Amino acid sequence: MVLDQYFLVEHMMRHQICNTSIALLGFKENITWADYRSDAENIRSGLRIPDYRRDLKFSHLLKKDEAPFKYKSTRFIEGDAINYMEQTDYLRGLAAMAFIDVYKRQQVFDQSHM
């Protein structure tokens, strides 16, 4: 994955400053090992910045074990492209648990995401 050079520092500062129960989301770019190897120098130097639209929390193709399910009035099946940010109106006015319900269908959900 490709992280912004300040990604970890920013997350640690948010956790330190916030003393209430909140959900913090951080976006990164998911890439293959081959992509990393071919562009490692630019990634390490900071010339290549992450494209947050390539984060699994932003959008991805549903796998067999993630579908079918219905969110609001839309039914999603295996192979569908789901754009979580679009579906949740970029999280505007959305309760944290509602986002988790949509997002937990992905096997990659862990403490680093929330």
N, C-alpha and C. Protein backbone atom coordinates (compact mmCIF):
# COMPACT_ATOMS: atom_id res chain seq x y z
N MET A 1 0.82 -1.17 0.00
CA MET A 1 0.00 0.00 0.00
C MET A 1 0.87 1.23 0.00
N VAL A 2 0.31 2.32 -0.47
CA VAL A 2 1.01 3.59 -0.50
C VAL A 2 0.34 4.51 0.51
N LEU A 3 1.12 5.01 1.46
CA LEU A 3 0.61 5.92 2.48
C LEU A 3 1.22 7.29 2.27
N ASP A 4 0.47 8.32 2.63
CA ASP A 4 1.02 9.65 2.65
C ASP A 4 2.15 9.67 3.68
N GLN A 5 3.16 10.48 3.47
CA GLN A 5 4.32 10.47 4.36
C GLN A 5 3.97 10.84 5.80
N TYR A 6 2.87 11.54 6.01
CA TYR A 6 2.46 11.92 7.36
C TYR A 6 1.29 11.09 7.89
N PHE A 7 0.92 10.02 7.21
CA PHE A 7 -0.25 9.21 7.55
C PHE A 7 -0.22 8.74 9.01
N LEU A 8 0.85 8.10 9.43
CA LEU A 8 0.92 7.55 10.79
C LEU A 8 0.98 8.65 11.85
N VAL A 9 1.75 9.69 11.59
CA VAL A 9 1.85 10.80 12.54
C VAL A 9 0.48 11.45 12.71
N GLU A 10 -0.20 11.67 11.61
CA GLU A 10 -1.52 12.29 11.66
C GLU A 10 -2.50 11.44 12.46
N HIS A 11 -2.47 10.13 12.24
CA HIS A 11 -3.37 9.24 12.99
C HIS A 11 -3.05 9.26 14.49
N MET A 12 -1.79 9.22 14.82
CA MET A 12 -1.40 9.24 16.24
C MET A 12 -1.82 10.55 16.90
N MET A 13 -1.67 11.66 16.19
CA MET A 13 -2.08 12.95 16.74
C MET A 13 -3.59 13.00 16.95
N ARG A 14 -4.35 12.48 16.00
CA ARG A 14 -5.81 12.45 16.14
C ARG A 14 -6.21 11.64 17.37
N HIS A 15 -5.60 10.49 17.53
CA HIS A 15 -5.92 9.66 18.70
C HIS A 15 -5.55 10.35 20.00
N GLN A 16 -4.45 11.07 20.01
CA GLN A 16 -4.00 11.76 21.21
C GLN A 16 -4.93 12.91 21.57
N ILE A 17 -5.37 13.66 20.56
CA ILE A 17 -6.20 14.84 20.79
C ILE A 17 -7.63 14.48 21.15
N CYS A 18 -8.17 13.45 20.53
CA CYS A 18 -9.58 13.09 20.73
C CYS A 18 -9.73 12.26 22.00
N ASN A 19 -10.55 12.74 22.90
CA ASN A 19 -10.76 11.99 24.14
C ASN A 19 -12.19 11.45 24.26
N THR A 20 -12.90 11.42 23.15
CA THR A 20 -14.24 10.84 23.13
C THR A 20 -14.23 9.64 22.18
N SER A 21 -15.30 8.90 22.20
CA SER A 21 -15.41 7.74 21.32
C SER A 21 -15.76 8.21 19.91
N ILE A 22 -14.79 8.08 19.03
CA ILE A 22 -15.00 8.47 17.63
C ILE A 22 -14.40 7.40 16.73
N ALA A 23 -14.78 7.44 15.49
CA ALA A 23 -14.19 6.55 14.49
C ALA A 23 -13.31 7.38 13.57
N LEU A 24 -12.06 7.00 13.44
CA LEU A 24 -11.14 7.69 12.55
C LEU A 24 -10.90 6.83 11.31
N LEU A 25 -11.09 7.41 10.16
CA LEU A 25 -10.83 6.69 8.91
C LEU A 25 -9.59 7.27 8.25
N GLY A 26 -8.77 6.41 7.76
CA GLY A 26 -7.61 6.84 7.00
C GLY A 26 -7.62 6.12 5.67
N PHE A 27 -7.30 6.83 4.62
CA PHE A 27 -7.30 6.22 3.30
C PHE A 27 -5.87 6.08 2.80
N LYS A 28 -5.65 5.01 2.08
CA LYS A 28 -4.36 4.72 1.50
C LYS A 28 -4.60 4.17 0.10
N GLU A 29 -3.56 3.87 -0.61
CA GLU A 29 -3.71 3.26 -1.93
C GLU A 29 -3.27 1.81 -1.85
N ASN A 30 -4.13 0.91 -2.22
CA ASN A 30 -3.80 -0.51 -2.26
C ASN A 30 -3.17 -0.82 -3.62
N ILE A 31 -1.97 -1.40 -3.58
CA ILE A 31 -1.28 -1.75 -4.82
C ILE A 31 -0.75 -3.18 -4.70
N THR A 32 -0.41 -3.72 -5.83
CA THR A 32 0.17 -5.07 -5.84
C THR A 32 1.66 -4.97 -5.54
N TRP A 33 2.25 -6.10 -5.20
CA TRP A 33 3.69 -6.14 -4.95
C TRP A 33 4.45 -5.76 -6.22
N ALA A 34 3.96 -6.20 -7.36
CA ALA A 34 4.62 -5.85 -8.62
C ALA A 34 4.58 -4.34 -8.85
N ASP A 35 3.45 -3.70 -8.55
CA ASP A 35 3.35 -2.24 -8.67
C ASP A 35 4.35 -1.55 -7.76
N TYR A 36 4.47 -2.08 -6.54
CA TYR A 36 5.41 -1.48 -5.58
C TYR A 36 6.84 -1.57 -6.11
N ARG A 37 7.20 -2.78 -6.57
CA ARG A 37 8.58 -2.97 -7.05
C ARG A 37 8.90 -2.08 -8.24
N SER A 38 7.92 -1.88 -9.11
CA SER A 38 8.19 -1.08 -10.31
C SER A 38 8.25 0.43 -10.01
N ASP A 39 7.70 0.85 -8.87
CA ASP A 39 7.67 2.28 -8.56
C ASP A 39 8.19 2.57 -7.15
N ALA A 40 8.98 1.67 -6.60
CA ALA A 40 9.44 1.77 -5.21
C ALA A 40 10.19 3.07 -4.92
N GLU A 41 11.05 3.48 -5.83
CA GLU A 41 11.83 4.70 -5.59
C GLU A 41 10.93 5.92 -5.45
N ASN A 42 9.95 6.05 -6.33
CA ASN A 42 9.02 7.19 -6.26
C ASN A 42 8.15 7.13 -5.01
N ILE A 43 7.78 5.92 -4.59
CA ILE A 43 6.96 5.78 -3.39
C ILE A 43 7.78 6.18 -2.16
N ARG A 44 8.99 5.66 -2.05
CA ARG A 44 9.83 5.97 -0.89
C ARG A 44 10.22 7.44 -0.83
N SER A 45 10.43 8.05 -1.97
CA SER A 45 10.86 9.45 -1.99
C SER A 45 9.70 10.42 -1.78
N GLY A 46 8.47 9.91 -1.91
CA GLY A 46 7.31 10.79 -1.76
C GLY A 46 6.85 11.42 -3.06
N LEU A 47 7.52 11.10 -4.18
CA LEU A 47 7.09 11.64 -5.46
C LEU A 47 5.74 11.05 -5.88
N ARG A 48 5.52 9.80 -5.51
CA ARG A 48 4.22 9.19 -5.78
C ARG A 48 3.39 9.29 -4.51
N ILE A 49 2.30 10.00 -4.61
CA ILE A 49 1.41 10.12 -3.46
C ILE A 49 0.24 9.15 -3.63
N PRO A 50 -0.37 8.73 -2.53
CA PRO A 50 -1.44 7.74 -2.64
C PRO A 50 -2.70 8.30 -3.31
N ASP A 51 -3.31 7.46 -4.12
CA ASP A 51 -4.60 7.78 -4.73
C ASP A 51 -5.67 7.12 -3.86
N TYR A 52 -6.31 7.91 -3.01
CA TYR A 52 -7.27 7.37 -2.04
C TYR A 52 -8.42 6.62 -2.69
N ARG A 53 -8.68 6.88 -3.96
CA ARG A 53 -9.77 6.17 -4.65
C ARG A 53 -9.46 4.69 -4.85
N ARG A 54 -8.17 4.32 -4.66
CA ARG A 54 -7.77 2.91 -4.79
C ARG A 54 -7.74 2.20 -3.45
N ASP A 55 -8.29 2.84 -2.41
CA ASP A 55 -8.42 2.21 -1.10
C ASP A 55 -9.65 1.31 -1.12
N LEU A 56 -9.56 0.16 -0.46
CA LEU A 56 -10.69 -0.76 -0.43
C LEU A 56 -11.91 -0.15 0.26
N LYS A 57 -11.69 0.83 1.14
CA LYS A 57 -12.83 1.48 1.78
C LYS A 57 -13.55 2.41 0.83
N PHE A 58 -12.87 2.81 -0.22
CA PHE A 58 -13.48 3.73 -1.18
C PHE A 58 -14.32 2.96 -2.19
N SER A 59 -13.72 1.99 -2.83
CA SER A 59 -14.42 1.24 -3.87
C SER A 59 -13.69 -0.06 -4.16
N HIS A 60 -14.44 -1.09 -4.48
CA HIS A 60 -13.82 -2.33 -4.95
C HIS A 60 -14.87 -3.25 -5.55
N LEU A 61 -14.41 -4.33 -6.19
CA LEU A 61 -15.31 -5.33 -6.76
C LEU A 61 -15.63 -6.36 -5.68
N LEU A 62 -16.90 -6.66 -5.51
CA LEU A 62 -17.32 -7.61 -4.49
C LEU A 62 -16.93 -9.03 -4.86
N LYS A 63 -16.40 -9.74 -3.88
CA LYS A 63 -16.02 -11.14 -4.05
C LYS A 63 -17.19 -12.02 -3.62
N LYS A 64 -17.06 -13.31 -3.91
CA LYS A 64 -18.12 -14.27 -3.63
C LYS A 64 -18.53 -14.26 -2.16
N ASP A 65 -17.55 -14.16 -1.23
CA ASP A 65 -17.88 -14.21 0.19
C ASP A 65 -18.36 -12.87 0.75
N GLU A 66 -18.45 -11.84 -0.08
CA GLU A 66 -18.90 -10.52 0.36
C GLU A 66 -20.31 -10.19 -0.13
N ALA A 67 -20.88 -11.03 -0.93
CA ALA A 67 -22.18 -10.75 -1.54
C ALA A 67 -23.00 -12.03 -1.58
N PRO A 68 -24.28 -11.98 -1.77
CA PRO A 68 -25.10 -10.79 -2.02
C PRO A 68 -25.51 -10.10 -0.72
N PHE A 69 -25.83 -8.82 -0.84
CA PHE A 69 -26.44 -8.08 0.26
C PHE A 69 -27.14 -6.85 -0.32
N LYS A 70 -27.99 -6.26 0.49
CA LYS A 70 -28.75 -5.09 0.08
C LYS A 70 -28.39 -3.94 1.01
N TYR A 71 -28.12 -2.79 0.44
CA TYR A 71 -27.88 -1.58 1.21
C TYR A 71 -28.82 -0.51 0.69
N LYS A 72 -29.65 0.02 1.59
CA LYS A 72 -30.72 0.94 1.21
C LYS A 72 -31.56 0.23 0.16
N SER A 73 -31.70 0.80 -1.02
CA SER A 73 -32.55 0.15 -2.03
C SER A 73 -31.75 -0.57 -3.11
N THR A 74 -30.46 -0.71 -2.91
CA THR A 74 -29.61 -1.33 -3.93
C THR A 74 -29.16 -2.72 -3.49
N ARG A 75 -29.33 -3.70 -4.37
CA ARG A 75 -28.86 -5.05 -4.09
C ARG A 75 -27.52 -5.25 -4.80
N PHE A 76 -26.55 -5.75 -4.07
CA PHE A 76 -25.22 -5.97 -4.60
C PHE A 76 -24.95 -7.46 -4.68
N ILE A 77 -24.33 -7.88 -5.79
CA ILE A 77 -24.00 -9.28 -5.99
C ILE A 77 -22.51 -9.40 -6.32
N GLU A 78 -22.02 -10.62 -6.30
CA GLU A 78 -20.62 -10.88 -6.63
C GLU A 78 -20.26 -10.24 -7.97
N GLY A 79 -19.11 -9.57 -8.01
CA GLY A 79 -18.65 -8.95 -9.23
C GLY A 79 -19.08 -7.50 -9.39
N ASP A 80 -20.06 -7.06 -8.59
CA ASP A 80 -20.47 -5.66 -8.65
C ASP A 80 -19.38 -4.76 -8.10
N ALA A 81 -19.25 -3.60 -8.68
CA ALA A 81 -18.36 -2.58 -8.12
C ALA A 81 -19.18 -1.78 -7.12
N ILE A 82 -18.68 -1.70 -5.91
CA ILE A 82 -19.37 -0.92 -4.89
C ILE A 82 -18.48 0.24 -4.49
N ASN A 83 -19.06 1.42 -4.50
CA ASN A 83 -18.35 2.62 -4.09
C ASN A 83 -18.93 3.03 -2.74
N TYR A 84 -18.22 2.67 -1.67
CA TYR A 84 -18.71 2.92 -0.32
C TYR A 84 -18.91 4.40 -0.04
N MET A 85 -18.02 5.23 -0.53
CA MET A 85 -18.15 6.66 -0.26
C MET A 85 -19.38 7.23 -0.95
N GLU A 86 -19.62 6.81 -2.16
CA GLU A 86 -20.81 7.26 -2.88
C GLU A 86 -22.08 6.74 -2.21
N GLN A 87 -22.09 5.48 -1.84
CA GLN A 87 -23.26 4.88 -1.20
C GLN A 87 -23.61 5.56 0.12
N THR A 88 -22.61 6.05 0.83
CA THR A 88 -22.84 6.68 2.13
C THR A 88 -22.80 8.20 2.06
N ASP A 89 -22.87 8.76 0.84
CA ASP A 89 -22.79 10.20 0.63
C ASP A 89 -21.56 10.76 1.33
N TYR A 90 -20.44 10.07 1.12
CA TYR A 90 -19.14 10.46 1.69
C TYR A 90 -19.22 10.61 3.21
N LEU A 91 -19.98 9.71 3.82
CA LEU A 91 -20.14 9.58 5.28
C LEU A 91 -20.90 10.73 5.92
N ARG A 92 -21.48 11.62 5.13
CA ARG A 92 -22.21 12.76 5.68
C ARG A 92 -23.45 12.28 6.44
N GLY A 93 -23.53 12.67 7.68
CA GLY A 93 -24.70 12.37 8.48
C GLY A 93 -24.91 10.89 8.74
N LEU A 94 -23.89 10.09 8.56
CA LEU A 94 -24.03 8.65 8.71
C LEU A 94 -23.50 8.23 10.07
N ALA A 95 -24.30 7.49 10.80
CA ALA A 95 -23.85 6.97 12.09
C ALA A 95 -22.67 6.03 11.87
N ALA A 96 -21.73 6.05 12.78
CA ALA A 96 -20.52 5.22 12.64
C ALA A 96 -20.87 3.75 12.46
N MET A 97 -21.81 3.25 13.22
CA MET A 97 -22.15 1.82 13.14
C MET A 97 -22.77 1.48 11.80
N ALA A 98 -23.45 2.43 11.17
CA ALA A 98 -24.03 2.15 9.85
C ALA A 98 -22.93 1.93 8.83
N PHE A 99 -21.86 2.73 8.89
CA PHE A 99 -20.74 2.54 7.97
C PHE A 99 -20.06 1.21 8.24
N ILE A 100 -19.88 0.89 9.50
CA ILE A 100 -19.24 -0.38 9.85
C ILE A 100 -20.05 -1.55 9.31
N ASP A 101 -21.39 -1.45 9.37
CA ASP A 101 -22.24 -2.53 8.87
C ASP A 101 -22.01 -2.76 7.38
N VAL A 102 -21.89 -1.68 6.62
CA VAL A 102 -21.62 -1.81 5.18
C VAL A 102 -20.21 -2.32 4.96
N TYR A 103 -19.28 -1.74 5.68
CA TYR A 103 -17.86 -2.01 5.45
C TYR A 103 -17.40 -3.37 5.98
N LYS A 104 -18.06 -3.90 6.99
CA LYS A 104 -17.58 -5.15 7.60
C LYS A 104 -17.66 -6.34 6.66
N ARG A 105 -18.34 -6.19 5.55
CA ARG A 105 -18.40 -7.28 4.58
C ARG A 105 -17.02 -7.56 3.99
N GLN A 106 -16.12 -6.61 4.13
CA GLN A 106 -14.77 -6.82 3.64
C GLN A 106 -13.95 -7.49 4.73
N GLN A 107 -13.16 -8.43 4.34
CA GLN A 107 -12.33 -9.16 5.30
C GLN A 107 -11.14 -8.35 5.79
N VAL A 108 -10.90 -7.19 5.24
CA VAL A 108 -9.73 -6.40 5.60
C VAL A 108 -9.98 -5.44 6.75
N PHE A 109 -11.19 -5.45 7.30
CA PHE A 109 -11.52 -4.51 8.38
C PHE A 109 -10.75 -4.89 9.63
N ASP A 110 -9.97 -3.97 10.16
CA ASP A 110 -9.23 -4.24 11.38
C ASP A 110 -8.99 -2.95 12.14
N GLN A 111 -8.26 -3.03 13.22
CA GLN A 111 -8.05 -1.88 14.10
C GLN A 111 -7.38 -0.70 13.40
N SER A 112 -6.62 -0.96 12.37
CA SER A 112 -5.95 0.16 11.71
C SER A 112 -6.91 1.02 10.91
N HIS A 113 -8.10 0.49 10.64
CA HIS A 113 -9.06 1.25 9.86
C HIS A 113 -10.02 2.07 10.71
N MET A 114 -10.21 1.68 11.93
CA MET A 114 -11.15 2.41 12.79
C MET A 114 -10.52 2.65 14.13
